[in-house]
Amino acid sequence: MTKREYMFSVLDFVLVLFLIGTVDAGVPAGGRPFDDNYVVTWGNVLKLDQGRQVQLSMDKTSGAGFQSKHKFGSGFFQMRIKLPPKDTAGVVTAFYLTSKGDTQDELDFEFLGDREGKPIQIQTNVFINGQGNREQKFVLWFDPSTDFHTYGILWNPYQIAFYVDNVPIRIFKNNKRYGVGYPSKPMTLVVSLWNGEGWATDGGKAKINWSYAPFKANFERFSDSGCHADGGDINAKVCGSTTYWWNTIQYSRLSANETTAFKNVRAKYMTYDYCSDHPRYPVPPMECRLNQ
């Protein structure tokens, strides 16, 4: 399939913008300096615009990363990201929440680079108590290397929602009452740029072209829209409270307009869904039916 075939038509794009608008007027606009809420953890990190933008750089010697100063028990975590341009096969840019360790809860956005001219894929994943293997992949309907775009993860007592420019692309509902696990550990927000050539592009067949190094990804809007949970456990009563706007009834499910855009994007741009991988899962996991 060609790159052109992945692109929204003008009418489709206008329709999605009309349906979605913005997620909510209450979402903070951001713009706070990086050092207020985040800390550099490794590699080559350059702070720009008085700390309101950060650039990660990767070469043969090292990638780079940063993370939030706090752990969270719920929230709506958004960041504006501009990915490395040109030939980025094997290069992975990651934006995710994780409790870390071998039994981690984790919510992943991973941007999988590709050869120049081919569309970059987003891989999402949900880990619960160390168990992942819930991948869903999408191609983007724009070039994410030419400008900043907003990526977000909503995590509340009702659902997890992954957003691209305010368009929901994936939902994972809280179905614990049916025996389906749901992330319940304090998680840190982590961002990284790293060498994933062993698996990221064409199953690891496409290796990094180091003549394009250093690869640079830029980030901005370092908000802190989460319930702090810096102890060992989440206080469910506190972090599930409707005192936080992301826990209000409005965010317990998609709106009618969001649902329309959600179905549109998944029909046109989803390239892999573990729920539909019958050789891998002859009997689909229970959450697949419940998340429909």
C-alpha atoms as a PDB file:
ATOM      1  CA  MET A   1       0.000   0.000   0.000  1.00  0.00           C
ATOM      2  CA  THR A   2       1.369   3.442  -0.904  1.00  0.00           C
ATOM      3  CA  LYS A   3       1.823   6.351   1.429  1.00  0.00           C
ATOM      4  CA  ARG A   4      -0.868   8.237  -0.474  1.00  0.00           C
ATOM      5  CA  GLU A   5      -3.346   5.490   0.348  1.00  0.00           C
ATOM      6  CA  TYR A   6      -2.717   6.048   4.031  1.00  0.00           C
ATOM      7  CA  MET A   7      -3.510   9.754   3.923  1.00  0.00           C
ATOM      8  CA  PHE A   8      -6.839  11.259   4.909  1.00  0.00           C
ATOM      9  CA  SER A   9      -8.758  12.840   2.099  1.00  0.00           C
ATOM     10  CA  VAL A  10      -9.406  16.528   2.715  1.00  0.00           C
ATOM     11  CA  LEU A  11     -13.056  15.799   3.414  1.00  0.00           C
ATOM     12  CA  ASP A  12     -12.223  13.047   5.904  1.00  0.00           C
ATOM     13  CA  PHE A  13      -9.786  15.284   7.713  1.00  0.00           C
ATOM     14  CA  VAL A  14     -12.258  18.157   7.961  1.00  0.00           C
ATOM     15  CA  LEU A  15     -14.934  15.754   9.186  1.00  0.00           C
ATOM     16  CA  VAL A  16     -12.739  14.457  12.007  1.00  0.00           C
ATOM     17  CA  LEU A  17     -11.818  17.965  13.091  1.00  0.00           C
ATOM     18  CA  PHE A  18     -15.474  18.926  13.053  1.00  0.00           C
ATOM     19  CA  LEU A  19     -16.484  15.877  15.094  1.00  0.00           C
ATOM     20  CA  ILE A  20     -13.746  16.054  17.664  1.00  0.00           C
ATOM     21  CA  GLY A  21     -12.905  19.707  18.125  1.00  0.00           C
ATOM     22  CA  THR A  22     -10.861  19.469  21.277  1.00  0.00           C
ATOM     23  CA  VAL A  23     -10.971  16.825  23.967  1.00  0.00           C
ATOM     24  CA  ASP A  24     -12.009  19.356  26.571  1.00  0.00           C
ATOM     25  CA  ALA A  25     -11.549  23.006  27.319  1.00  0.00           C
ATOM     26  CA  GLY A  26     -10.242  22.002  30.751  1.00  0.00           C
ATOM     27  CA  VAL A  27      -7.138  20.297  29.385  1.00  0.00           C
ATOM     28  CA  PRO A  28      -4.175  22.447  30.407  1.00  0.00           C
ATOM     29  CA  ALA A  29      -2.480  24.247  27.538  1.00  0.00           C
ATOM     30  CA  GLY A  30       0.937  23.412  28.962  1.00  0.00           C
ATOM     31  CA  GLY A  31       4.006  25.466  28.259  1.00  0.00           C
ATOM     32  CA  ARG A  32       5.588  25.003  31.686  1.00  0.00           C
ATOM     33  CA  PRO A  33       9.371  24.646  31.777  1.00  0.00           C
ATOM     34  CA  PHE A  34      10.745  21.122  31.584  1.00  0.00           C
ATOM     35  CA  ASP A  35      12.493  21.315  34.964  1.00  0.00           C
ATOM     36  CA  ASP A  36       9.218  21.943  36.801  1.00  0.00           C
ATOM     37  CA  ASN A  37       7.930  18.411  36.303  1.00  0.00           C
ATOM     38  CA  TYR A  38      10.630  16.328  34.569  1.00  0.00           C
ATOM     39  CA  VAL A  39      14.216  15.200  34.937  1.00  0.00           C
ATOM     40  CA  VAL A  40      16.822  13.963  32.433  1.00  0.00           C
ATOM     41  CA  THR A  41      17.625  10.279  32.980  1.00  0.00           C
ATOM     42  CA  TRP A  42      20.207   9.474  30.295  1.00  0.00           C
ATOM     43  CA  GLY A  43      21.879  10.438  27.041  1.00  0.00           C
ATOM     44  CA  ASN A  44      22.024  13.572  24.924  1.00  0.00           C
ATOM     45  CA  VAL A  45      19.314  16.031  25.977  1.00  0.00           C
ATOM     46  CA  LEU A  46      19.195  19.664  24.837  1.00  0.00           C
ATOM     47  CA  LYS A  47      16.842  22.184  26.462  1.00  0.00           C
ATOM     48  CA  LEU A  48      15.484  24.899  24.168  1.00  0.00           C
ATOM     49  CA  ASP A  49      13.244  27.973  24.455  1.00  0.00           C
ATOM     50  CA  GLN A  50      14.068  28.536  28.126  1.00  0.00           C
ATOM     51  CA  GLY A  51      13.304  24.924  28.917  1.00  0.00           C
ATOM     52  CA  ARG A  52       9.908  24.850  27.219  1.00  0.00           C
ATOM     53  CA  GLN A  53      11.179  22.461  24.568  1.00  0.00           C
ATOM     54  CA  VAL A  54      13.538  19.495  24.824  1.00  0.00           C
ATOM     55  CA  GLN A  55      15.447  17.706  22.074  1.00  0.00           C
ATOM     56  CA  LEU A  56      16.607  14.103  22.443  1.00  0.00           C
ATOM     57  CA  SER A  57      19.455  12.962  20.214  1.00  0.00           C
ATOM     58  CA  MET A  58      20.637   9.470  19.291  1.00  0.00           C
ATOM     59  CA  ASP A  59      23.869   8.368  17.656  1.00  0.00           C
ATOM     60  CA  LYS A  60      25.815   5.105  17.623  1.00  0.00           C
ATOM     61  CA  THR A  61      26.978   5.627  21.186  1.00  0.00           C
ATOM     62  CA  SER A  62      23.742   6.472  22.959  1.00  0.00           C
ATOM     63  CA  GLY A  63      20.069   7.325  22.812  1.00  0.00           C
ATOM     64  CA  ALA A  64      18.426   9.606  25.368  1.00  0.00           C
ATOM     65  CA  GLY A  65      15.527   9.898  27.777  1.00  0.00           C
ATOM     66  CA  PHE A  66      13.717  11.773  30.516  1.00  0.00           C
ATOM     67  CA  GLN A  67      10.923  11.074  32.970  1.00  0.00           C
ATOM     68  CA  SER A  68       8.459  12.761  35.299  1.00  0.00           C
ATOM     69  CA  LYS A  69       9.522  13.669  38.803  1.00  0.00           C
ATOM     70  CA  HIS A  70       6.336  12.147  40.195  1.00  0.00           C
ATOM     71  CA  LYS A  71       4.502   8.850  39.970  1.00  0.00           C
ATOM     72  CA  PHE A  72       0.802   8.946  39.175  1.00  0.00           C
ATOM     73  CA  GLY A  73      -2.372   7.029  39.988  1.00  0.00           C
ATOM     74  CA  SER A  74      -4.584   8.540  37.273  1.00  0.00           C
ATOM     75  CA  GLY A  75      -4.460  11.412  34.821  1.00  0.00           C
ATOM     76  CA  PHE A  76      -4.558  12.714  31.275  1.00  0.00           C
ATOM     77  CA  PHE A  77      -0.970  12.820  30.053  1.00  0.00           C
ATOM     78  CA  GLN A  78      -0.294  14.780  26.885  1.00  0.00           C
ATOM     79  CA  MET A  79       2.829  15.916  25.107  1.00  0.00           C
ATOM     80  CA  ARG A  80       3.572  17.540  21.769  1.00  0.00           C
ATOM     81  CA  ILE A  81       6.167  15.590  19.807  1.00  0.00           C
ATOM     82  CA  LYS A  82       8.041  16.074  16.531  1.00  0.00           C
ATOM     83  CA  LEU A  83       9.763  12.886  15.364  1.00  0.00           C
ATOM     84  CA  PRO A  84      13.126  12.515  13.610  1.00  0.00           C
ATOM     85  CA  PRO A  85      12.887  13.081   9.823  1.00  0.00           C
ATOM     86  CA  LYS A  86      13.982  11.130   6.741  1.00  0.00           C
ATOM     87  CA  ASP A  87      15.311   7.572   7.016  1.00  0.00           C
ATOM     88  CA  THR A  88      14.544   6.456  10.583  1.00  0.00           C
ATOM     89  CA  ALA A  89      14.262   2.676  10.137  1.00  0.00           C
ATOM     90  CA  GLY A  90      15.089   0.986  13.438  1.00  0.00           C
ATOM     91  CA  VAL A  91      14.707   4.204  15.464  1.00  0.00           C
ATOM     92  CA  VAL A  92      12.108   4.109  18.242  1.00  0.00           C
ATOM     93  CA  THR A  93      10.646   7.168  19.949  1.00  0.00           C
ATOM     94  CA  ALA A  94       8.672   6.213  23.055  1.00  0.00           C
ATOM     95  CA  PHE A  95       6.140   8.069  25.235  1.00  0.00           C
ATOM     96  CA  TYR A  96       4.689   5.889  27.973  1.00  0.00           C
ATOM     97  CA  LEU A  97       3.595   5.365  31.558  1.00  0.00           C
ATOM     98  CA  THR A  98       5.267   2.591  33.539  1.00  0.00           C
ATOM     99  CA  SER A  99       5.541   1.308  37.086  1.00  0.00           C
ATOM    100  CA  LYS A 100       8.862  -0.316  36.030  1.00  0.00           C
ATOM    101  CA  GLY A 101      10.198  -3.684  37.182  1.00  0.00           C
ATOM    102  CA  ASP A 102       9.419  -7.220  35.989  1.00  0.00           C
ATOM    103  CA  THR A 103       5.740  -7.071  36.992  1.00  0.00           C
ATOM    104  CA  GLN A 104       5.091  -3.616  35.664  1.00  0.00           C
ATOM    105  CA  ASP A 105       1.893  -1.935  34.631  1.00  0.00           C
ATOM    106  CA  GLU A 106       2.579   0.066  31.474  1.00  0.00           C
ATOM    107  CA  LEU A 107       0.791   2.079  28.789  1.00  0.00           C
ATOM    108  CA  ASP A 108       2.870   2.520  25.627  1.00  0.00           C
ATOM    109  CA  PHE A 109       3.059   4.829  22.675  1.00  0.00           C
ATOM    110  CA  GLU A 110       5.982   3.702  20.502  1.00  0.00           C
ATOM    111  CA  PHE A 111       6.745   5.417  17.200  1.00  0.00           C
ATOM    112  CA  LEU A 112       8.463   2.986  14.872  1.00  0.00           C
ATOM    113  CA  GLY A 113      10.689   4.628  12.278  1.00  0.00           C
ATOM    114  CA  ASP A 114      10.887   3.478   8.669  1.00  0.00           C
ATOM    115  CA  ARG A 115      12.662   4.111   5.392  1.00  0.00           C
ATOM    116  CA  GLU A 116      12.227   7.574   3.941  1.00  0.00           C
ATOM    117  CA  GLY A 117       8.905   7.852   2.118  1.00  0.00           C
ATOM    118  CA  LYS A 118       7.206   5.113   4.108  1.00  0.00           C
ATOM    119  CA  PRO A 119       4.660   6.018   6.798  1.00  0.00           C
ATOM    120  CA  ILE A 120       5.751   5.857  10.431  1.00  0.00           C
ATOM    121  CA  GLN A 121       3.743   3.425  12.549  1.00  0.00           C
ATOM    122  CA  ILE A 122       2.497   3.914  16.088  1.00  0.00           C
ATOM    123  CA  GLN A 123       2.494   0.832  18.264  1.00  0.00           C
ATOM    124  CA  THR A 124       0.349   0.939  21.409  1.00  0.00           C
ATOM    125  CA  ASN A 125       0.484  -1.645  24.151  1.00  0.00           C
ATOM    126  CA  VAL A 126      -1.029  -2.281  27.577  1.00  0.00           C
ATOM    127  CA  PHE A 127       0.908  -4.172  30.255  1.00  0.00           C
ATOM    128  CA  ILE A 128      -0.774  -5.452  33.396  1.00  0.00           C
ATOM    129  CA  ASN A 129       1.359  -7.020  36.121  1.00  0.00           C
ATOM    130  CA  GLY A 130       4.174  -7.616  33.626  1.00  0.00           C
ATOM    131  CA  GLN A 131       1.977  -9.129  30.907  1.00  0.00           C
ATOM    132  CA  GLY A 132       1.877  -7.211  27.618  1.00  0.00           C
ATOM    133  CA  ASN A 133       1.312  -8.705  24.175  1.00  0.00           C
ATOM    134  CA  ARG A 134      -1.666  -6.415  23.599  1.00  0.00           C
ATOM    135  CA  GLU A 135      -0.235  -4.577  20.606  1.00  0.00           C
ATOM    136  CA  GLN A 136      -2.294  -2.451  18.259  1.00  0.00           C
ATOM    137  CA  LYS A 137      -0.521  -0.627  15.416  1.00  0.00           C
ATOM    138  CA  PHE A 138      -1.572   2.323  13.290  1.00  0.00           C
ATOM    139  CA  VAL A 139      -0.128   4.384  10.479  1.00  0.00           C
ATOM    140  CA  LEU A 140      -0.414   8.125  10.855  1.00  0.00           C
ATOM    141  CA  TRP A 141      -2.427  10.276   8.465  1.00  0.00           C
ATOM    142  CA  PHE A 142       0.246  12.981   8.502  1.00  0.00           C
ATOM    143  CA  ASP A 143       4.024  13.231   8.504  1.00  0.00           C
ATOM    144  CA  PRO A 144       4.934  13.398  12.221  1.00  0.00           C
ATOM    145  CA  SER A 145       8.454  14.651  11.484  1.00  0.00           C
ATOM    146  CA  THR A 146       7.518  17.980   9.888  1.00  0.00           C
ATOM    147  CA  ASP A 147       5.686  19.546  12.840  1.00  0.00           C
ATOM    148  CA  PHE A 148       4.582  18.973  16.412  1.00  0.00           C
ATOM    149  CA  HIS A 149       1.506  16.840  17.071  1.00  0.00           C
ATOM    150  CA  THR A 150      -0.235  16.080  20.347  1.00  0.00           C
ATOM    151  CA  TYR A 151      -0.262  12.549  21.759  1.00  0.00           C
ATOM    152  CA  GLY A 152      -2.140  11.678  24.909  1.00  0.00           C
ATOM    153  CA  ILE A 153      -2.972   8.870  27.316  1.00  0.00           C
ATOM    154  CA  LEU A 154      -6.074   9.087  29.510  1.00  0.00           C
ATOM    155  CA  TRP A 155      -6.013   6.755  32.514  1.00  0.00           C
ATOM    156  CA  ASN A 156      -8.862   6.862  34.989  1.00  0.00           C
ATOM    157  CA  PRO A 157     -11.011   4.353  36.918  1.00  0.00           C
ATOM    158  CA  TYR A 158     -13.226   3.777  33.861  1.00  0.00           C
ATOM    159  CA  GLN A 159     -10.961   3.476  30.843  1.00  0.00           C
ATOM    160  CA  ILE A 160      -7.603   4.020  29.183  1.00  0.00           C
ATOM    161  CA  ALA A 161      -7.725   6.016  25.952  1.00  0.00           C
ATOM    162  CA  PHE A 162      -4.897   6.736  23.516  1.00  0.00           C
ATOM    163  CA  TYR A 163      -5.237   9.982  21.532  1.00  0.00           C
ATOM    164  CA  VAL A 164      -3.530  11.477  18.487  1.00  0.00           C
ATOM    165  CA  ASP A 165      -4.313  15.177  17.989  1.00  0.00           C
ATOM    166  CA  ASN A 166      -7.398  14.706  20.196  1.00  0.00           C
ATOM    167  CA  VAL A 167      -8.659  11.784  18.086  1.00  0.00           C
ATOM    168  CA  PRO A 168      -9.081   8.576  20.152  1.00  0.00           C
ATOM    169  CA  ILE A 169      -7.386   5.639  18.436  1.00  0.00           C
ATOM    170  CA  ARG A 170      -7.566   2.976  21.155  1.00  0.00           C
ATOM    171  CA  ILE A 171      -9.717   2.224  24.208  1.00  0.00           C
ATOM    172  CA  PHE A 172      -9.024  -0.265  26.998  1.00  0.00           C
ATOM    173  CA  LYS A 173     -11.929  -0.387  29.448  1.00  0.00           C
ATOM    174  CA  ASN A 174     -11.791  -1.219  33.134  1.00  0.00           C
ATOM    175  CA  ASN A 175     -13.451  -4.641  33.215  1.00  0.00           C
ATOM    176  CA  LYS A 176     -12.047  -5.908  36.492  1.00  0.00           C
ATOM    177  CA  ARG A 177     -15.529  -7.070  37.489  1.00  0.00           C
ATOM    178  CA  TYR A 178     -15.263  -9.632  34.673  1.00  0.00           C
ATOM    179  CA  GLY A 179     -11.823 -10.818  35.749  1.00  0.00           C
ATOM    180  CA  VAL A 180      -9.830  -8.685  33.287  1.00  0.00           C
ATOM    181  CA  GLY A 181      -6.784  -6.976  34.745  1.00  0.00           C
ATOM    182  CA  TYR A 182      -6.450  -3.185  34.802  1.00  0.00           C
ATOM    183  CA  PRO A 183      -3.379  -1.049  35.598  1.00  0.00           C
ATOM    184  CA  SER A 184      -3.379  -0.261  39.311  1.00  0.00           C
ATOM    185  CA  LYS A 185       0.237   0.564  40.204  1.00  0.00           C
ATOM    186  CA  PRO A 186       1.757   4.051  40.479  1.00  0.00           C
ATOM    187  CA  MET A 187       3.332   4.885  37.126  1.00  0.00           C
ATOM    188  CA  THR A 188       6.004   7.306  35.972  1.00  0.00           C
ATOM    189  CA  LEU A 189       5.781   9.105  32.614  1.00  0.00           C
ATOM    190  CA  VAL A 190       8.849   8.208  30.542  1.00  0.00           C
ATOM    191  CA  VAL A 191      10.083   9.505  27.177  1.00  0.00           C
ATOM    192  CA  SER A 192      12.991   8.031  25.240  1.00  0.00           C
ATOM    193  CA  LEU A 193      14.730   7.828  21.860  1.00  0.00           C
ATOM    194  CA  TRP A 194      16.546   4.544  21.343  1.00  0.00           C
ATOM    195  CA  ASN A 195      17.942   1.880  19.022  1.00  0.00           C
ATOM    196  CA  GLY A 196      15.225  -0.666  18.258  1.00  0.00           C
ATOM    197  CA  GLU A 197      16.636  -2.029  15.021  1.00  0.00           C
ATOM    198  CA  GLY A 198      16.412  -5.586  16.319  1.00  0.00           C
ATOM    199  CA  TRP A 199      12.610  -5.560  15.973  1.00  0.00           C
ATOM    200  CA  ALA A 200      11.056  -2.181  15.171  1.00  0.00           C
ATOM    201  CA  THR A 201      11.037  -2.060  11.352  1.00  0.00           C
ATOM    202  CA  ASP A 202      10.119  -5.012   9.132  1.00  0.00           C
ATOM    203  CA  GLY A 203      10.588  -7.351  12.071  1.00  0.00           C
ATOM    204  CA  GLY A 204      14.188  -6.230  12.505  1.00  0.00           C
ATOM    205  CA  LYS A 205      15.182  -6.691   8.869  1.00  0.00           C
ATOM    206  CA  ALA A 206      15.563  -2.943   8.237  1.00  0.00           C
ATOM    207  CA  LYS A 207      18.588  -1.701  10.154  1.00  0.00           C
ATOM    208  CA  ILE A 208      19.510   1.841  11.143  1.00  0.00           C
ATOM    209  CA  ASN A 209      21.224   3.917   8.469  1.00  0.00           C
ATOM    210  CA  TRP A 210      23.748   5.694  10.654  1.00  0.00           C
ATOM    211  CA  SER A 211      24.646   8.150   7.903  1.00  0.00           C
ATOM    212  CA  TYR A 212      21.494  10.024   8.984  1.00  0.00           C
ATOM    213  CA  ALA A 213      22.618  10.252  12.617  1.00  0.00           C
ATOM    214  CA  PRO A 214      22.262  11.983  14.931  1.00  0.00           C
ATOM    215  CA  PHE A 215      18.518  11.343  15.019  1.00  0.00           C
ATOM    216  CA  LYS A 216      16.663  14.103  16.854  1.00  0.00           C
ATOM    217  CA  ALA A 217      13.187  14.157  18.379  1.00  0.00           C
ATOM    218  CA  ASN A 218      11.659  17.271  19.945  1.00  0.00           C
ATOM    219  CA  PHE A 219       9.146  17.549  22.783  1.00  0.00           C
ATOM    220  CA  GLU A 220       7.103  20.325  24.373  1.00  0.00           C
ATOM    221  CA  ARG A 221       4.138  20.955  26.717  1.00  0.00           C
ATOM    222  CA  PHE A 222       5.448  19.446  29.943  1.00  0.00           C
ATOM    223  CA  SER A 223       2.236  19.562  31.961  1.00  0.00           C
ATOM    224  CA  ASP A 224       1.489  17.702  35.178  1.00  0.00           C
ATOM    225  CA  SER A 225      -2.115  16.554  34.691  1.00  0.00           C
ATOM    226  CA  GLY A 226      -2.028  13.564  36.998  1.00  0.00           C
ATOM    227  CA  CYS A 227      -2.834  12.487  40.539  1.00  0.00           C
ATOM    228  CA  HIS A 228       0.472  12.169  42.367  1.00  0.00           C
ATOM    229  CA  ALA A 229       1.048   8.717  43.869  1.00  0.00           C
ATOM    230  CA  ASP A 230       4.630   8.780  45.061  1.00  0.00           C
ATOM    231  CA  GLY A 231       4.110   6.181  47.776  1.00  0.00           C
ATOM    232  CA  GLY A 232       4.103   2.452  47.255  1.00  0.00           C
ATOM    233  CA  ASP A 233       0.406   2.195  46.387  1.00  0.00           C
ATOM    234  CA  ILE A 234      -2.348   4.213  44.748  1.00  0.00           C
ATOM    235  CA  ASN A 235      -4.945   5.739  47.032  1.00  0.00           C
ATOM    236  CA  ALA A 236      -7.901   4.772  44.833  1.00  0.00           C
ATOM    237  CA  LYS A 237     -10.279   7.056  46.696  1.00  0.00           C
ATOM    238  CA  VAL A 238      -8.049  10.066  46.086  1.00  0.00           C
ATOM    239  CA  CYS A 239      -6.833   9.328  42.560  1.00  0.00           C
ATOM    240  CA  GLY A 240     -10.291   8.202  41.472  1.00  0.00           C
ATOM    241  CA  SER A 241     -11.984  11.296  42.825  1.00  0.00           C
ATOM    242  CA  THR A 242     -14.026  13.517  40.516  1.00  0.00           C
ATOM    243  CA  THR A 243     -12.118  16.406  42.048  1.00  0.00           C
ATOM    244  CA  TYR A 244      -9.798  15.661  39.148  1.00  0.00           C
ATOM    245  CA  TRP A 245     -11.422  16.652  35.854  1.00  0.00           C
ATOM    246  CA  TRP A 246     -10.186  13.531  34.032  1.00  0.00           C
ATOM    247  CA  ASN A 247     -12.240  11.365  36.430  1.00  0.00           C
ATOM    248  CA  THR A 248     -15.556  13.091  35.775  1.00  0.00           C
ATOM    249  CA  ILE A 249     -18.399  11.318  33.988  1.00  0.00           C
ATOM    250  CA  GLN A 250     -17.478  13.041  30.732  1.00  0.00           C
ATOM    251  CA  TYR A 251     -14.305  10.941  30.603  1.00  0.00           C
ATOM    252  CA  SER A 252     -15.898   7.621  31.557  1.00  0.00           C
ATOM    253  CA  ARG A 253     -16.657   6.844  27.899  1.00  0.00           C
ATOM    254  CA  LEU A 254     -16.220   8.354  24.462  1.00  0.00           C
ATOM    255  CA  SER A 255     -18.735  10.940  23.318  1.00  0.00           C
ATOM    256  CA  ALA A 256     -20.827  10.233  20.218  1.00  0.00           C
ATOM    257  CA  ASN A 257     -18.549  12.440  18.113  1.00  0.00           C
ATOM    258  CA  GLU A 258     -15.416  10.796  19.503  1.00  0.00           C
ATOM    259  CA  THR A 259     -16.880   7.358  18.821  1.00  0.00           C
ATOM    260  CA  THR A 260     -17.480   8.259  15.167  1.00  0.00           C
ATOM    261  CA  ALA A 261     -13.907   9.506  14.738  1.00  0.00           C
ATOM    262  CA  PHE A 262     -12.559   6.488  16.652  1.00  0.00           C
ATOM    263  CA  LYS A 263     -14.270   4.042  14.304  1.00  0.00           C
ATOM    264  CA  ASN A 264     -13.150   6.035  11.258  1.00  0.00           C
ATOM    265  CA  VAL A 265      -9.484   6.022  12.235  1.00  0.00           C
ATOM    266  CA  ARG A 266      -9.438   2.355  13.194  1.00  0.00           C
ATOM    267  CA  ALA A 267     -11.141   1.318   9.968  1.00  0.00           C
ATOM    268  CA  LYS A 268      -8.648   3.217   7.801  1.00  0.00           C
ATOM    269  CA  TYR A 269      -5.358   3.302   9.681  1.00  0.00           C
ATOM    270  CA  MET A 270      -5.079   0.342  12.055  1.00  0.00           C
ATOM    271  CA  THR A 271      -2.572  -2.139  10.597  1.00  0.00           C
ATOM    272  CA  TYR A 272      -2.440  -4.715  13.397  1.00  0.00           C
ATOM    273  CA  ASP A 273      -4.717  -5.770  16.265  1.00  0.00           C
ATOM    274  CA  TYR A 274      -3.737  -8.585  18.599  1.00  0.00           C
ATOM    275  CA  CYS A 275      -7.435  -9.340  19.026  1.00  0.00           C
ATOM    276  CA  SER A 276      -7.623 -10.303  15.335  1.00  0.00           C
ATOM    277  CA  ASP A 277      -4.398 -12.333  15.278  1.00  0.00           C
ATOM    278  CA  HIS A 278      -5.972 -15.798  15.270  1.00  0.00           C
ATOM    279  CA  PRO A 279      -2.724 -17.782  14.818  1.00  0.00           C
ATOM    280  CA  ARG A 280      -1.400 -16.051  17.921  1.00  0.00           C
ATOM    281  CA  TYR A 281      -4.679 -16.141  19.861  1.00  0.00           C
ATOM    282  CA  PRO A 282      -7.023 -18.877  18.541  1.00  0.00           C
ATOM    283  CA  VAL A 283      -9.367 -17.774  21.318  1.00  0.00           C
ATOM    284  CA  PRO A 284      -9.159 -13.967  21.627  1.00  0.00           C
ATOM    285  CA  PRO A 285      -8.467 -12.634  25.124  1.00  0.00           C
ATOM    286  CA  MET A 286     -11.614 -11.718  27.052  1.00  0.00           C
ATOM    287  CA  GLU A 287     -10.879  -7.985  26.982  1.00  0.00           C
ATOM    288  CA  CYS A 288     -11.114  -7.987  23.184  1.00  0.00           C
ATOM    289  CA  ARG A 289     -14.845  -8.614  23.296  1.00  0.00           C
ATOM    290  CA  LEU A 290     -15.397  -6.313  26.270  1.00  0.00           C
ATOM    291  CA  ASN A 291     -13.494  -3.400  24.712  1.00  0.00           C
ATOM    292  CA  GLN A 292     -15.663  -3.327  21.587  1.00  0.00           C
END
